[in-house]
Amino acid sequence: MKVVVTGGAGYIGAELCAVLARDRRVEELVVYDLLERGHYGLFMGPKLGKAKVRFVQGDVLDSRRLEQELKGADLVYHLAAKVITPFADAGSSQFEQVNHWGTAEVVYAIEAVAPEARVVYLSSASVYGQGTGSALSEANPSPRSAYGHSKLRGEAHMDRLGDHRQVVVLRSANVYGHGRCMRFDAVINRFVFQAHFQGRITVRGTGMQKRPFIHLDAVVATLASLVDNHSLAGTFDLAEQNRSVIDLVEALRSPWPDTELLFVDQHLDLMSLEVQRDPRLAGIQPVRTISMTDDLRELAGKFAW
């Protein structure tokens, strides 16, 4: 089986590729990434696996290169994206270029050279905007950020593919946890870093705003379980739990009781979003029983000192 992972050197992609390379069903693994974020953790040990792994430094806006690399693919994971905190609007033109039009180019290439390929697209819960989101109840997405809008437009391109083949769209919650290619702009990862090394956590707004979260291991396990799943198709929510920012701070106070809390723009009542675990992913998305505090301790244990 030939598997292509766009964004394969990113925070989620690097962990997924490490799992896929050990899967005996994967004979050829193409890691397609621009390396724009400067992530090189994928290229360091431990060794990946026995699959034939090939890295391609390519842009999702490069239609010719995409067609070359996607030709004959059996499964495509489209993870490549311009990513930032869910409600941010900075760099809106880049979101539009990479997340919207880049996804369009991936879809065009799949249609042209990979007629049998199954497709998994990692979208974002930010397409819901605020309030409560649910793919199961078919709640109408109402994004409130440039990032959310761009991911929703990417979904629209995937919908076109879904008329002719198996396509799975996963609207992921905020991801946290240790990986080869860490992201410290993600709120939980950032809080752990601040508490561990700086002794101070910076909270914007009142702290009452809620966000849906999911651990990196759960995201990767869900994606990897789709390698040989030929029945699942449609749009799903990929979330584990909803936490307010204050909830996260309280979870941090156990490992780091002396951490100072600094509020910025505390008068602002920032947008909240809650997304529940999707029951349709039962048996595909793993059930993790570890507590948030233990998750935070585990992440801190990966630091050098």
Protein backbone atom coordinates (compact mmCIF):
# COMPACT_ATOMS: atom_id res chain seq x y z
CA MET A 1 0.00 0.00 0.00
CA LYS A 2 1.28 3.47 -0.91
CA VAL A 3 0.45 6.13 1.68
CA VAL A 4 1.08 9.85 1.27
CA VAL A 5 1.04 12.24 4.24
CA THR A 6 1.00 15.96 3.46
CA GLY A 7 2.34 17.90 6.42
CA GLY A 8 4.12 14.72 7.46
CA ALA A 9 6.92 16.55 9.27
CA GLY A 10 4.57 18.59 11.45
CA TYR A 11 3.44 18.18 15.06
CA ILE A 12 0.84 15.52 14.26
CA GLY A 13 2.27 14.32 10.96
CA ALA A 14 5.65 13.30 12.36
CA GLU A 15 4.03 11.08 14.99
CA LEU A 16 1.66 9.58 12.44
CA CYS A 17 4.49 8.80 10.01
CA ALA A 18 6.43 7.07 12.79
CA VAL A 19 3.43 4.78 13.36
CA LEU A 20 2.74 4.20 9.66
CA ALA A 21 6.35 3.27 8.97
CA ARG A 22 5.96 0.34 11.40
CA ASP A 23 2.70 -0.86 9.83
CA ARG A 24 3.35 -3.92 7.69
CA ARG A 25 0.47 -2.98 5.40
CA VAL A 26 2.31 0.22 4.38
CA GLU A 27 4.87 -0.63 1.73
CA GLU A 28 5.68 2.91 0.63
CA LEU A 29 5.33 6.06 2.73
CA VAL A 30 5.72 9.49 1.14
CA VAL A 31 6.24 12.36 3.59
CA TYR A 32 5.30 15.57 1.79
CA ASP A 33 6.15 18.75 3.72
CA LEU A 34 7.47 22.24 3.01
CA LEU A 35 9.32 22.40 6.36
CA GLU A 36 8.09 25.97 6.71
CA ARG A 37 7.93 25.75 10.51
CA GLY A 38 11.48 24.46 10.68
CA HIS A 39 10.49 21.13 12.20
CA TYR A 40 13.18 18.47 11.71
CA GLY A 41 12.31 16.07 14.51
CA LEU A 42 10.97 13.49 12.05
CA PHE A 43 14.46 13.01 10.63
CA MET A 44 16.08 12.12 13.96
CA GLY A 45 16.00 8.80 15.83
CA PRO A 46 14.66 6.44 16.82
CA LYS A 47 14.53 4.75 13.43
CA LEU A 48 11.13 4.81 11.79
CA GLY A 49 10.48 1.29 10.54
CA LYS A 50 10.79 -1.14 7.67
CA ALA A 51 8.53 0.64 5.22
CA LYS A 52 10.13 2.44 2.31
CA VAL A 53 10.02 6.05 3.49
CA ARG A 54 10.65 8.92 1.13
CA PHE A 55 10.69 12.61 2.07
CA VAL A 56 9.60 15.26 -0.43
CA GLN A 57 10.08 18.92 0.40
CA GLY A 58 7.09 20.30 -1.44
CA ASP A 59 4.39 22.94 -1.31
CA VAL A 60 0.69 21.98 -1.43
CA LEU A 61 0.29 24.85 -3.91
CA ASP A 62 2.68 23.11 -6.33
CA SER A 63 0.21 21.19 -8.49
CA ARG A 64 2.83 19.54 -10.69
CA ARG A 65 4.83 18.21 -7.74
CA LEU A 66 1.68 17.01 -6.03
CA GLU A 67 0.65 14.99 -9.07
CA GLN A 68 4.10 13.42 -9.26
CA GLU A 69 4.04 12.29 -5.64
CA LEU A 70 0.37 11.35 -5.30
CA LYS A 71 0.35 9.17 -8.41
CA GLY A 72 -0.85 5.69 -7.56
CA ALA A 73 -1.51 6.46 -3.89
CA ASP A 74 -3.86 4.11 -2.04
CA LEU A 75 -4.37 6.40 0.96
CA VAL A 76 -3.77 10.13 1.38
CA TYR A 77 -3.66 11.89 4.74
CA HIS A 78 -3.99 15.62 4.16
CA LEU A 79 -2.59 17.26 7.29
CA ALA A 80 -0.64 20.13 5.71
CA ALA A 81 -1.99 23.46 6.94
CA LYS A 82 -1.12 26.90 8.17
CA VAL A 83 -1.93 26.46 11.86
CA ILE A 84 -2.33 28.90 14.70
CA THR A 85 -4.48 29.27 17.81
CA PRO A 86 -8.15 28.66 16.91
CA PHE A 87 -9.59 32.19 17.12
CA ALA A 88 -6.62 34.12 15.76
CA ASP A 89 -6.85 36.19 12.59
CA ALA A 90 -3.22 37.10 12.02
CA GLY A 91 -1.92 35.97 8.63
CA SER A 92 -5.38 35.56 7.11
CA SER A 93 -4.03 35.59 3.55
CA GLN A 94 -1.73 32.66 4.35
CA PHE A 95 -4.61 30.68 5.82
CA GLU A 96 -6.55 31.26 2.61
CA GLN A 97 -3.63 30.27 0.40
CA VAL A 98 -2.50 27.14 2.25
CA ASN A 99 -5.62 25.78 3.94
CA HIS A 100 -8.14 26.69 1.26
CA TRP A 101 -6.36 26.73 -2.09
CA GLY A 102 -3.68 24.27 -0.99
CA THR A 103 -6.41 21.76 -0.16
CA ALA A 104 -8.00 22.45 -3.54
CA GLU A 105 -4.70 21.57 -5.24
CA VAL A 106 -4.45 18.34 -3.26
CA VAL A 107 -7.98 17.41 -4.33
CA TYR A 108 -7.26 18.22 -7.98
CA ALA A 109 -4.13 16.05 -7.88
CA ILE A 110 -5.98 13.13 -6.29
CA GLU A 111 -8.67 13.33 -8.95
CA ALA A 112 -6.04 13.39 -11.68
CA VAL A 113 -3.56 10.70 -10.63
CA ALA A 114 -4.95 8.68 -7.69
CA PRO A 115 -8.41 7.50 -8.79
CA GLU A 116 -8.56 4.71 -6.17
CA ALA A 117 -7.16 6.61 -3.22
CA ARG A 118 -9.01 6.90 0.07
CA VAL A 119 -8.60 10.30 1.74
CA VAL A 120 -8.40 11.50 5.35
CA TYR A 121 -8.56 15.25 5.93
CA LEU A 122 -7.69 16.74 9.31
CA SER A 123 -9.95 19.75 9.73
CA SER A 124 -10.55 21.76 12.90
CA ALA A 125 -13.26 22.28 15.49
CA SER A 126 -12.70 26.00 14.90
CA VAL A 127 -15.12 25.71 11.96
CA TYR A 128 -17.92 25.85 14.56
CA GLY A 129 -16.95 29.30 15.79
CA GLN A 130 -18.36 29.50 19.31
CA GLY A 131 -21.03 27.84 21.43
CA THR A 132 -21.55 24.12 20.84
CA GLY A 133 -20.45 22.26 17.74
CA SER A 134 -21.49 18.82 16.54
CA ALA A 135 -20.94 17.04 13.26
CA LEU A 136 -23.35 14.33 14.43
CA SER A 137 -26.27 16.76 14.73
CA GLU A 138 -25.11 18.50 11.54
CA ALA A 139 -24.86 21.83 13.36
CA ASN A 140 -24.12 24.50 10.80
CA PRO A 141 -20.50 25.64 11.11
CA SER A 142 -20.08 29.36 11.75
CA PRO A 143 -16.35 30.10 11.96
CA ARG A 144 -15.26 33.30 13.69
CA SER A 145 -11.65 33.38 12.54
CA ALA A 146 -9.70 33.40 9.30
CA TYR A 147 -8.24 30.03 10.27
CA GLY A 148 -11.69 28.52 10.84
CA HIS A 149 -12.99 29.89 7.54
CA SER A 150 -10.03 28.46 5.64
CA LYS A 151 -10.46 24.99 7.15
CA LEU A 152 -14.17 24.99 6.33
CA ARG A 153 -13.41 25.91 2.73
CA GLY A 154 -10.96 23.02 2.66
CA GLU A 155 -13.77 20.74 3.79
CA ALA A 156 -15.88 21.94 0.86
CA HIS A 157 -13.22 20.70 -1.56
CA MET A 158 -13.13 17.35 0.22
CA ASP A 159 -16.91 17.11 -0.05
CA ARG A 160 -16.52 17.13 -3.80
CA LEU A 161 -14.17 14.15 -3.59
CA GLY A 162 -16.61 12.33 -1.34
CA ASP A 163 -19.05 11.92 -4.20
CA HIS A 164 -16.68 9.47 -5.86
CA ARG A 165 -14.60 7.83 -3.13
CA GLN A 166 -14.18 7.22 0.60
CA VAL A 167 -13.34 10.47 2.39
CA VAL A 168 -13.07 10.98 6.16
CA VAL A 169 -13.05 14.53 7.55
CA LEU A 170 -12.00 14.84 11.20
CA ARG A 171 -12.70 18.14 12.96
CA SER A 172 -9.96 18.06 15.55
CA ALA A 173 -10.04 19.75 18.94
CA ASN A 174 -6.97 21.57 20.32
CA VAL A 175 -4.12 19.07 20.37
CA TYR A 176 -1.61 18.81 23.23
CA GLY A 177 1.09 16.44 24.37
CA HIS A 178 4.70 15.54 23.62
CA GLY A 179 5.84 14.87 20.07
CA ARG A 180 8.96 14.91 17.92
CA CYS A 181 7.98 18.29 16.47
CA MET A 182 6.53 20.20 19.40
CA ARG A 183 4.16 23.15 19.09
CA PHE A 184 4.31 25.59 21.96
CA ASP A 185 1.69 27.96 20.55
CA ALA A 186 -0.94 25.35 21.56
CA VAL A 187 -2.42 26.51 24.87
CA ILE A 188 -1.77 23.48 27.10
CA ASN A 189 1.77 22.96 25.82
CA ARG A 190 2.46 26.66 26.31
CA PHE A 191 1.07 26.67 29.85
CA VAL A 192 3.22 23.68 30.84
CA PHE A 193 6.32 25.36 29.40
CA GLN A 194 5.57 28.61 31.22
CA ALA A 195 4.87 26.90 34.54
CA HIS A 196 7.93 24.67 34.32
CA PHE A 197 10.53 27.18 33.20
CA GLN A 198 9.15 30.63 33.97
CA GLY A 199 7.01 30.11 37.04
CA ARG A 200 4.26 32.24 35.54
CA ILE A 201 1.23 31.50 33.35
CA THR A 202 -0.22 34.23 31.18
CA VAL A 203 -4.00 34.04 30.71
CA ARG A 204 -5.85 36.26 28.27
CA GLY A 205 -9.39 37.29 29.17
CA THR A 206 -11.32 36.04 32.19
CA GLY A 207 -10.12 32.47 31.84
CA MET A 208 -13.70 31.20 31.80
CA GLN A 209 -13.63 30.54 28.05
CA LYS A 210 -13.79 26.85 27.19
CA ARG A 211 -12.04 24.87 24.49
CA PRO A 212 -12.25 21.25 23.34
CA PHE A 213 -9.00 19.30 23.75
CA ILE A 214 -7.50 16.01 22.63
CA HIS A 215 -4.15 14.39 23.33
CA LEU A 216 -1.70 13.94 20.47
CA ASP A 217 -1.57 10.18 21.07
CA ALA A 218 -5.34 9.91 20.60
CA VAL A 219 -5.24 11.87 17.35
CA VAL A 220 -2.44 9.73 15.92
CA ALA A 221 -4.07 6.46 17.00
CA THR A 222 -7.35 7.50 15.37
CA LEU A 223 -5.64 8.46 12.13
CA ALA A 224 -3.56 5.28 12.06
CA SER A 225 -6.65 3.11 12.64
CA LEU A 226 -7.97 4.30 9.28
CA VAL A 227 -5.16 2.65 7.30
CA ASP A 228 -7.28 -0.36 6.41
CA ASN A 229 -10.76 0.93 7.26
CA HIS A 230 -12.77 0.91 4.05
CA SER A 231 -16.18 1.63 5.55
CA LEU A 232 -15.94 4.86 7.55
CA ALA A 233 -16.80 7.99 5.57
CA GLY A 234 -18.16 11.44 6.34
CA THR A 235 -17.44 14.26 8.78
CA PHE A 236 -16.67 13.56 12.44
CA ASP A 237 -15.65 15.40 15.60
CA LEU A 238 -12.30 14.41 17.09
CA ALA A 239 -12.38 15.56 20.72
CA GLU A 240 -11.85 14.12 24.20
CA GLN A 241 -12.84 16.77 26.75
CA ASN A 242 -13.84 20.39 27.21
CA ARG A 243 -11.94 22.55 29.67
CA SER A 244 -11.97 26.21 30.62
CA VAL A 245 -8.64 27.98 30.82
CA ILE A 246 -9.10 28.24 34.59
CA ASP A 247 -9.60 24.45 34.72
CA LEU A 248 -6.22 24.04 33.06
CA VAL A 249 -4.60 26.43 35.51
CA GLU A 250 -5.99 24.45 38.45
CA ALA A 251 -4.67 21.21 36.95
CA LEU A 252 -1.26 22.86 36.71
CA ARG A 253 -1.26 23.97 40.35
CA SER A 254 -0.70 20.43 41.58
CA PRO A 255 2.65 19.88 39.85
CA TRP A 256 3.64 23.57 40.11
CA PRO A 257 1.92 25.02 43.21
CA ASP A 258 4.00 28.22 43.28
CA THR A 259 3.18 29.27 39.73
CA GLU A 260 2.13 32.91 39.38
CA LEU A 261 -1.01 33.67 37.38
CA LEU A 262 -0.94 36.78 35.19
CA PHE A 263 -4.16 37.95 33.53
CA VAL A 264 -4.04 40.08 30.38
CA ASP A 265 -7.18 41.94 29.22
CA GLN A 266 -9.12 40.33 32.06
CA HIS A 267 -12.17 42.44 31.22
CA LEU A 268 -12.61 40.61 27.91
CA ASP A 269 -15.17 37.81 27.74
CA LEU A 270 -13.56 35.70 25.02
CA MET A 271 -15.33 33.20 22.80
CA SER A 272 -15.99 29.68 24.11
CA LEU A 273 -16.47 26.45 22.20
CA GLU A 274 -17.48 22.98 23.37
CA VAL A 275 -17.38 19.82 21.24
CA GLN A 276 -18.28 16.40 22.59
CA ARG A 277 -16.67 13.08 21.73
CA ASP A 278 -18.25 11.66 18.56
CA PRO A 279 -19.94 8.31 19.31
CA ARG A 280 -19.58 7.29 15.67
CA LEU A 281 -15.82 6.96 16.23
CA ALA A 282 -16.28 4.32 18.93
CA GLY A 283 -13.75 1.57 18.35
CA ILE A 284 -11.64 3.89 16.21
CA GLN A 285 -10.77 6.73 18.58
CA PRO A 286 -9.07 5.29 21.69
CA VAL A 287 -10.48 5.89 25.15
CA ARG A 288 -7.78 7.39 27.37
CA THR A 289 -8.25 7.18 31.14
CA ILE A 290 -5.26 9.25 32.28
CA SER A 291 -6.13 12.48 34.13
CA MET A 292 -5.27 15.92 32.80
CA THR A 293 -2.87 16.49 35.71
CA ASP A 294 -1.02 13.27 34.89
CA ASP A 295 -0.92 14.29 31.23
CA LEU A 296 0.71 17.56 32.26
CA ARG A 297 3.22 15.79 34.50
CA GLU A 298 4.11 13.43 31.65
CA LEU A 299 4.69 16.34 29.28
CA ALA A 300 6.86 18.12 31.85
CA GLY A 301 8.87 14.94 32.25
CA LYS A 302 10.05 15.30 28.66
CA PHE A 303 11.82 18.59 29.34
CA ALA A 304 15.62 18.56 29.55
CA TRP A 305 15.63 19.90 33.13
